[in-house]
N, C-alpha and C. Protein backbone atom coordinates (compact mmCIF):
# COMPACT_ATOMS: atom_id res chain seq x y z
N MET A 1 20.09 148.13 101.77
CA MET A 1 20.57 149.36 101.11
C MET A 1 21.97 149.20 100.25
N ASN A 2 22.24 149.22 99.29
CA ASN A 2 23.25 149.16 98.26
C ASN A 2 24.55 150.08 98.02
N VAL A 3 24.92 150.19 99.08
CA VAL A 3 26.31 151.23 99.41
C VAL A 3 27.20 150.82 98.35
N GLY A 4 27.63 152.08 97.48
CA GLY A 4 29.04 151.96 96.81
C GLY A 4 28.60 151.54 95.46
N THR A 5 27.20 150.90 95.12
CA THR A 5 27.07 150.63 93.79
C THR A 5 26.83 152.04 92.83
N ALA A 6 26.99 151.66 91.49
CA ALA A 6 27.29 152.80 90.67
C ALA A 6 26.30 152.44 89.16
N HIS A 7 25.63 151.10 89.35
CA HIS A 7 24.73 150.79 88.07
C HIS A 7 23.29 150.87 88.52
N SER A 8 22.84 150.80 87.63
CA SER A 8 21.00 151.38 87.91
C SER A 8 20.44 149.52 87.69
N GLU A 9 20.77 148.92 87.56
CA GLU A 9 20.44 147.49 87.46
C GLU A 9 19.87 147.09 88.83
N VAL A 10 18.79 146.52 88.96
CA VAL A 10 18.40 145.92 90.34
C VAL A 10 19.17 144.76 90.50
N ASN A 11 19.37 144.05 89.73
CA ASN A 11 19.97 142.75 89.70
C ASN A 11 20.99 142.74 88.45
N PRO A 12 22.65 142.71 89.29
CA PRO A 12 23.46 142.80 88.03
C PRO A 12 23.81 141.40 87.32
N ASN A 13 23.02 140.41 87.96
CA ASN A 13 23.38 138.96 87.33
C ASN A 13 22.61 138.93 86.00
N THR A 14 21.83 139.99 85.53
CA THR A 14 20.99 139.89 84.34
C THR A 14 21.82 140.25 83.00
N ARG A 15 22.62 141.26 83.55
CA ARG A 15 23.48 141.84 82.56
C ARG A 15 25.32 141.25 82.64
N VAL A 16 25.59 140.70 83.26
CA VAL A 16 27.28 140.12 83.53
C VAL A 16 27.31 139.59 82.18
N MET A 17 26.57 138.73 81.56
CA MET A 17 27.53 138.33 80.17
C MET A 17 27.35 138.77 79.15
N ASN A 18 26.61 140.36 78.99
CA ASN A 18 26.40 141.58 78.29
C ASN A 18 27.73 142.57 78.48
N SER A 19 28.44 142.40 79.83
CA SER A 19 28.82 143.48 79.79
C SER A 19 30.78 143.42 79.05
N ARG A 20 31.30 144.37 78.85
CA ARG A 20 32.50 144.78 78.06
C ARG A 20 33.51 143.85 78.25
N GLY A 21 33.57 143.11 76.95
CA GLY A 21 35.32 142.16 77.02
C GLY A 21 34.93 140.92 78.01
N MET A 22 33.68 140.40 78.18
CA MET A 22 33.28 138.95 79.04
C MET A 22 33.30 138.11 78.31
N TRP A 23 32.80 138.24 76.85
CA TRP A 23 33.21 136.95 75.92
C TRP A 23 34.45 136.50 76.03
N LEU A 24 35.40 137.53 75.62
CA LEU A 24 36.53 137.56 75.27
C LEU A 24 37.21 137.04 76.70
N SER A 25 37.28 137.31 77.79
CA SER A 25 37.72 137.17 79.26
C SER A 25 37.03 135.51 79.30
N TYR A 26 36.16 135.06 79.04
CA TYR A 26 35.41 133.76 79.15
C TYR A 26 36.50 132.52 78.19
N ILE A 27 36.30 133.18 76.94
CA ILE A 27 37.52 132.10 75.96
C ILE A 27 39.03 132.63 76.45
N LEU A 28 39.74 133.29 77.03
CA LEU A 28 40.73 133.34 77.16
C LEU A 28 40.91 132.65 78.90
N GLY A 29 40.14 132.66 79.68
CA GLY A 29 39.79 131.47 80.98
C GLY A 29 40.04 130.35 80.01
N ILE A 30 39.12 129.77 79.27
CA ILE A 30 39.27 128.37 78.80
C ILE A 30 40.47 127.86 78.04
N GLY A 31 41.15 129.07 77.79
CA GLY A 31 42.85 128.94 76.79
C GLY A 31 43.43 128.69 77.92
N LEU A 32 43.32 129.48 79.23
CA LEU A 32 44.47 129.42 80.45
C LEU A 32 44.34 128.31 80.78
N LEU A 33 43.16 127.57 81.27
CA LEU A 33 42.98 126.87 81.94
C LEU A 33 43.65 125.28 80.83
N HIS A 34 43.39 125.49 79.51
CA HIS A 34 43.68 124.03 78.98
C HIS A 34 45.41 124.44 78.80
N ILE A 35 46.18 125.77 79.03
CA ILE A 35 47.70 125.84 78.89
C ILE A 35 48.19 125.37 80.28
N ILE A 36 47.17 125.82 81.38
CA ILE A 36 47.91 124.94 82.94
C ILE A 36 47.84 123.67 83.06
N LEU A 37 46.71 122.94 82.14
CA LEU A 37 46.71 121.59 81.88
C LEU A 37 47.97 121.03 81.33
N LEU A 38 48.45 121.67 79.95
CA LEU A 38 49.05 121.48 79.39
C LEU A 38 50.50 121.21 80.27
N SER A 39 50.72 121.92 80.99
CA SER A 39 52.16 122.29 81.76
C SER A 39 52.25 121.01 82.69
N ILE A 40 51.18 120.02 82.86
CA ILE A 40 51.35 118.92 83.68
C ILE A 40 52.10 117.74 83.07
N PRO A 41 53.54 117.65 83.36
CA PRO A 41 54.47 116.94 82.46
C PRO A 41 53.97 115.50 82.01
N PHE A 42 53.15 114.82 82.91
CA PHE A 42 53.10 113.21 82.38
C PHE A 42 51.56 113.31 81.52
N ALA A 43 50.72 114.24 81.43
CA ALA A 43 49.55 114.33 81.12
C ALA A 43 49.67 114.36 79.40
N SER A 44 49.11 113.50 78.49
CA SER A 44 48.88 113.76 77.10
C SER A 44 48.06 114.56 76.85
N VAL A 45 48.17 115.28 75.28
CA VAL A 45 47.23 115.87 75.06
C VAL A 45 45.79 115.74 74.53
N PRO A 46 45.58 114.47 74.52
CA PRO A 46 43.80 113.90 74.68
C PRO A 46 43.17 113.90 76.40
N VAL A 47 44.09 113.59 76.98
CA VAL A 47 43.88 113.56 78.50
C VAL A 47 43.51 115.17 79.17
N VAL A 48 44.52 115.95 78.38
CA VAL A 48 44.29 117.48 78.57
C VAL A 48 43.07 118.04 78.20
N TRP A 49 42.62 117.58 76.87
CA TRP A 49 41.66 118.10 76.49
C TRP A 49 40.44 117.43 77.05
N THR A 50 40.56 116.29 77.65
CA THR A 50 39.24 115.41 78.24
C THR A 50 39.31 116.25 79.57
N LEU A 51 40.24 116.89 80.28
CA LEU A 51 40.38 117.44 81.68
C LEU A 51 39.73 118.94 81.40
N THR A 52 39.93 119.37 80.25
CA THR A 52 39.58 121.05 79.80
C THR A 52 38.14 120.80 79.74
N ASN A 53 37.68 119.88 79.19
CA ASN A 53 36.23 119.86 78.51
C ASN A 53 35.36 119.50 79.72
N LEU A 54 36.19 118.40 80.79
CA LEU A 54 34.86 118.12 82.05
C LEU A 54 35.37 119.32 83.10
N ILE A 55 36.14 119.96 83.64
CA ILE A 55 36.27 120.99 84.67
C ILE A 55 35.61 121.97 83.71
N HIS A 56 35.91 122.44 82.82
CA HIS A 56 34.84 123.55 82.10
C HIS A 56 33.16 123.24 82.48
N ASN A 57 32.99 122.07 81.89
CA ASN A 57 31.35 121.83 81.67
C ASN A 57 30.92 121.46 83.35
N LEU A 58 32.07 120.92 84.00
CA LEU A 58 31.34 120.86 85.60
C LEU A 58 31.23 122.33 86.28
N CYS A 59 32.20 123.27 85.83
CA CYS A 59 32.21 124.48 86.62
C CYS A 59 31.13 125.29 86.06
N MET A 60 30.89 125.19 84.82
CA MET A 60 29.64 126.12 84.22
C MET A 60 28.44 125.46 85.03
N TYR A 61 28.00 124.05 84.80
CA TYR A 61 26.77 123.26 84.95
C TYR A 61 26.48 123.70 86.63
N LEU A 62 27.69 123.73 87.83
CA LEU A 62 27.65 124.30 89.17
C LEU A 62 27.35 125.80 89.25
N LEU A 63 27.99 126.50 88.22
CA LEU A 63 27.94 128.05 88.12
C LEU A 63 26.29 128.55 88.02
N LEU A 64 26.08 127.86 86.66
CA LEU A 64 24.94 128.15 85.70
C LEU A 64 23.35 127.77 86.22
N HIS A 65 23.60 126.48 86.85
CA HIS A 65 22.39 125.92 86.73
C HIS A 65 22.12 125.07 88.24
N THR A 66 23.07 125.19 89.12
CA THR A 66 22.63 124.43 90.54
C THR A 66 22.60 125.82 91.57
N VAL A 67 23.56 126.86 91.52
CA VAL A 67 23.49 127.94 92.47
C VAL A 67 22.55 128.60 92.40
N LYS A 68 21.80 129.03 93.38
CA LYS A 68 20.63 130.01 93.49
C LYS A 68 20.93 131.06 93.96
N GLY A 69 19.99 132.53 93.63
CA GLY A 69 20.63 133.42 93.98
C GLY A 69 21.62 134.54 93.85
N THR A 70 21.83 135.52 94.18
CA THR A 70 22.78 136.34 93.88
C THR A 70 24.01 136.41 94.70
N PRO A 71 25.01 137.13 94.51
CA PRO A 71 26.30 136.70 95.53
C PRO A 71 26.21 138.30 96.23
N PHE A 72 25.32 139.20 96.20
CA PHE A 72 25.14 140.68 96.57
C PHE A 72 23.80 140.84 96.74
N GLU A 73 23.53 141.86 97.88
CA GLU A 73 22.24 142.23 98.19
C GLU A 73 21.39 142.96 97.05
N THR A 74 19.99 142.52 97.15
CA THR A 74 19.76 143.31 95.63
C THR A 74 18.51 143.75 95.95
N PRO A 75 17.96 144.83 95.41
CA PRO A 75 16.49 145.14 96.43
C PRO A 75 15.16 145.04 95.31
N ASP A 76 15.34 143.58 94.89
CA ASP A 76 13.83 142.75 93.95
C ASP A 76 13.19 142.15 94.94
N GLN A 77 13.49 142.47 95.97
CA GLN A 77 12.30 141.88 97.14
C GLN A 77 12.77 140.20 97.29
N GLY A 78 13.90 139.51 96.94
CA GLY A 78 14.11 138.43 96.94
C GLY A 78 13.66 137.73 95.92
N LYS A 79 13.15 137.87 94.80
CA LYS A 79 12.92 137.32 93.37
C LYS A 79 14.07 136.50 92.99
N ALA A 80 15.23 136.83 92.88
CA ALA A 80 16.18 136.39 92.47
C ALA A 80 16.84 135.16 93.49
N ARG A 81 16.19 135.31 94.48
CA ARG A 81 17.12 134.29 95.36
C ARG A 81 16.41 132.93 95.08
N LEU A 82 15.88 132.49 94.21
CA LEU A 82 14.98 131.30 94.02
C LEU A 82 15.50 130.88 92.58
N LEU A 83 16.08 131.66 92.11
CA LEU A 83 16.57 131.59 90.65
C LEU A 83 18.35 131.32 90.30
N THR A 84 18.27 130.48 89.58
CA THR A 84 19.74 130.25 89.05
C THR A 84 20.48 131.49 88.17
N HIS A 85 21.69 131.33 88.14
CA HIS A 85 21.95 132.46 87.32
C HIS A 85 21.43 132.10 85.99
N TRP A 86 21.26 131.06 84.99
CA TRP A 86 20.93 131.08 84.23
C TRP A 86 19.28 131.30 83.67
N GLU A 87 18.53 131.55 84.67
CA GLU A 87 17.19 131.74 84.87
C GLU A 87 17.46 133.46 85.05
N GLN A 88 18.21 133.84 85.49
CA GLN A 88 18.23 135.41 85.46
C GLN A 88 18.89 136.09 84.61
N MET A 89 19.80 135.19 83.71
CA MET A 89 20.62 136.38 82.55
C MET A 89 19.62 136.92 81.67
N ASP A 90 19.96 137.81 81.36
CA ASP A 90 18.90 138.77 80.25
C ASP A 90 17.62 138.98 80.60
N TYR A 91 17.32 138.87 82.09
CA TYR A 91 15.64 139.08 82.48
C TYR A 91 14.94 137.88 82.17
N GLY A 92 15.33 136.51 81.76
CA GLY A 92 14.97 135.38 81.29
C GLY A 92 14.59 135.18 79.62
N VAL A 93 14.93 136.40 79.37
CA VAL A 93 14.07 136.41 77.86
C VAL A 93 15.19 135.19 77.03
N GLN A 94 14.69 134.20 76.35
CA GLN A 94 15.49 133.16 75.74
C GLN A 94 15.83 133.33 74.48
N PHE A 95 17.08 132.94 74.02
CA PHE A 95 17.51 133.09 72.66
C PHE A 95 18.33 134.58 72.13
N THR A 96 18.72 134.78 73.45
CA THR A 96 19.53 136.33 73.22
C THR A 96 20.98 135.93 72.78
N ALA A 97 21.99 136.93 72.32
CA ALA A 97 23.29 136.35 72.27
C ALA A 97 24.24 135.83 73.54
N SER A 98 23.78 136.34 74.69
CA SER A 98 24.59 135.51 75.66
C SER A 98 24.18 134.34 75.88
N ARG A 99 23.11 133.83 75.81
CA ARG A 99 22.36 132.51 76.05
C ARG A 99 22.95 131.48 75.02
N LYS A 100 23.16 132.16 73.43
CA LYS A 100 23.27 131.49 72.41
C LYS A 100 25.00 131.37 72.66
N PHE A 101 25.75 132.16 72.83
CA PHE A 101 26.92 131.88 73.19
C PHE A 101 27.53 130.94 74.26
N LEU A 102 26.85 130.84 74.90
CA LEU A 102 27.24 129.91 76.18
C LEU A 102 26.62 128.61 76.14
N THR A 103 25.55 128.47 74.91
CA THR A 103 25.26 127.08 74.44
C THR A 103 26.27 126.68 73.51
N ILE A 104 26.36 127.47 72.73
CA ILE A 104 27.72 127.13 71.76
C ILE A 104 29.12 126.42 72.02
N THR A 105 29.37 127.68 72.94
CA THR A 105 30.85 127.20 73.35
C THR A 105 31.25 125.93 73.96
N PRO A 106 30.37 125.08 74.87
CA PRO A 106 30.72 123.89 75.49
C PRO A 106 30.54 123.01 74.00
N ILE A 107 29.90 123.34 73.20
CA ILE A 107 29.90 122.36 71.91
C ILE A 107 30.93 122.38 71.37
N VAL A 108 31.41 123.64 70.74
CA VAL A 108 32.68 123.66 70.00
C VAL A 108 33.81 123.04 71.17
N LEU A 109 33.95 123.44 72.50
CA LEU A 109 35.16 122.53 72.86
C LEU A 109 34.80 121.28 73.29
N ALA A 110 33.53 120.64 73.02
CA ALA A 110 33.33 119.69 72.87
C ALA A 110 34.00 118.62 71.36
N ASP A 111 33.70 119.54 70.33
CA ASP A 111 34.22 119.31 69.17
C ASP A 111 35.92 119.17 69.30
N PHE A 112 36.12 120.33 69.71
CA PHE A 112 38.12 120.15 69.83
C PHE A 112 38.31 119.06 70.03
N TRP A 113 37.50 118.65 71.31
CA TRP A 113 37.91 117.43 72.17
C TRP A 113 37.93 116.00 71.28
N GLU A 114 37.10 116.21 70.74
CA GLU A 114 36.79 115.10 69.57
C GLU A 114 37.77 114.85 68.88
N ILE A 115 38.53 115.96 68.09
CA ILE A 115 39.29 116.23 66.79
C ILE A 115 40.63 115.78 67.52
N HIS A 116 40.86 116.12 69.18
CA HIS A 116 42.04 115.69 69.38
C HIS A 116 42.52 114.20 70.24
N THR A 117 41.25 113.63 70.33
CA THR A 117 41.25 112.23 71.17
C THR A 117 40.51 111.49 69.95
N ILE A 118 40.20 111.27 68.79
CA ILE A 118 39.92 110.65 67.80
C ILE A 118 40.92 109.56 67.31
N ARG A 119 42.07 110.19 67.04
CA ARG A 119 43.49 109.44 66.94
C ARG A 119 43.58 108.35 67.93
N PHE A 120 43.31 108.85 69.05
CA PHE A 120 43.62 107.50 70.01
C PHE A 120 42.76 106.53 70.26
N ARG A 121 41.77 107.12 70.05
CA ARG A 121 40.35 106.01 70.44
C ARG A 121 39.01 106.01 69.34
N ARG A 122 38.76 105.26 69.06
CA ARG A 122 37.51 105.65 68.26
C ARG A 122 36.35 105.96 68.97
N LEU A 123 36.03 107.35 68.62
CA LEU A 123 35.12 107.85 69.44
C LEU A 123 33.87 107.66 68.32
N SER A 124 32.45 107.04 68.90
CA SER A 124 31.52 106.68 68.30
C SER A 124 30.97 108.03 67.96
N SER A 125 29.58 108.45 67.05
CA SER A 125 28.86 109.58 66.69
C SER A 125 28.15 109.67 67.67
N GLN A 126 27.89 108.31 68.55
CA GLN A 126 26.52 108.28 69.40
C GLN A 126 26.84 108.80 70.73
N GLU A 127 27.96 108.45 70.80
CA GLU A 127 28.74 109.00 72.13
C GLU A 127 28.91 110.90 71.86
N GLY A 128 29.04 111.24 70.81
CA GLY A 128 29.18 112.63 70.88
C GLY A 128 28.08 113.31 70.90
N LEU A 129 26.96 112.71 70.38
CA LEU A 129 25.52 113.38 70.22
C LEU A 129 24.80 113.33 71.49
N THR A 130 25.23 111.99 72.14
CA THR A 130 24.71 111.90 73.44
C THR A 130 25.60 113.07 74.37
N GLU A 131 26.39 113.59 74.47
CA GLU A 131 27.08 114.47 75.36
C GLU A 131 26.16 115.69 74.90
N GLN A 132 26.18 116.07 73.69
CA GLN A 132 25.59 117.36 73.53
C GLN A 132 24.57 117.51 73.47
N PHE A 133 23.56 116.10 73.45
CA PHE A 133 22.02 116.39 74.01
C PHE A 133 22.02 116.76 75.27
N LEU A 134 22.77 116.13 76.21
CA LEU A 134 22.79 115.89 77.73
C LEU A 134 23.36 117.60 78.29
N HIS A 135 23.97 118.46 77.59
CA HIS A 135 24.21 119.69 77.38
C HIS A 135 23.27 120.24 77.17
N CYS A 136 22.71 120.26 76.19
CA CYS A 136 21.29 120.81 75.64
C CYS A 136 20.19 120.84 76.71
N MET A 137 20.26 119.67 76.98
CA MET A 137 19.04 119.45 78.06
C MET A 137 19.03 120.08 79.50
N SER A 138 20.22 119.94 79.50
CA SER A 138 20.35 120.94 81.36
C SER A 138 20.12 122.33 81.18
N LYS A 139 20.53 122.92 79.81
CA LYS A 139 19.98 124.50 79.85
C LYS A 139 18.48 124.48 79.64
N ALA A 140 17.78 123.41 78.97
CA ALA A 140 16.58 123.44 78.81
C ALA A 140 15.78 123.09 80.09
N ARG A 141 16.27 122.19 80.73
CA ARG A 141 15.84 122.00 82.40
C ARG A 141 15.23 123.60 82.90
N ASP A 142 16.40 124.29 82.67
CA ASP A 142 16.35 125.48 84.08
C ASP A 142 15.11 126.26 83.25
N THR A 143 14.99 126.36 81.71
CA THR A 143 13.97 127.39 81.45
C THR A 143 12.74 126.73 81.15
N THR A 144 12.41 125.48 80.96
CA THR A 144 11.00 124.79 80.68
C THR A 144 10.47 124.55 81.96
N PHE A 145 11.23 124.34 83.42
CA PHE A 145 10.48 124.05 84.28
C PHE A 145 10.74 124.81 85.40
N SER A 146 11.07 125.84 85.03
CA SER A 146 11.28 127.15 85.90
C SER A 146 9.73 128.06 86.71
N TYR A 147 9.90 128.39 87.60
CA TYR A 147 8.42 128.59 88.18
C TYR A 147 8.03 130.00 87.91
């Protein structure tokens, strides 16, 4: 029994990224993480961009692609407990605005990282393409091989 719920969604994970202000909150959270890391006195700007990129990608990988189920009880007879959050989003429909946003954001963040670190070390385009390929494959893994 879902006591105190005021929504009509069987599984609120399906619409959480479409809720009002979520994309802005996500971007502001990345910005806040970057500002907090910039306040570390001994960290240089390239190190901070690297840490921002790594922490963001690690957290998003863990939250979207490894944790299964929902953080609340859902009346869907246990269907959501075997799915990751990425598989639950938008009822599993591919190429929605939320999925595109969550795919593009780490790529843009990686581009910011490359722009700010290229002055300090020569980054080959092969390394950047490999990182972006691995990012896209982690998203494809959840959608291609889902049950």
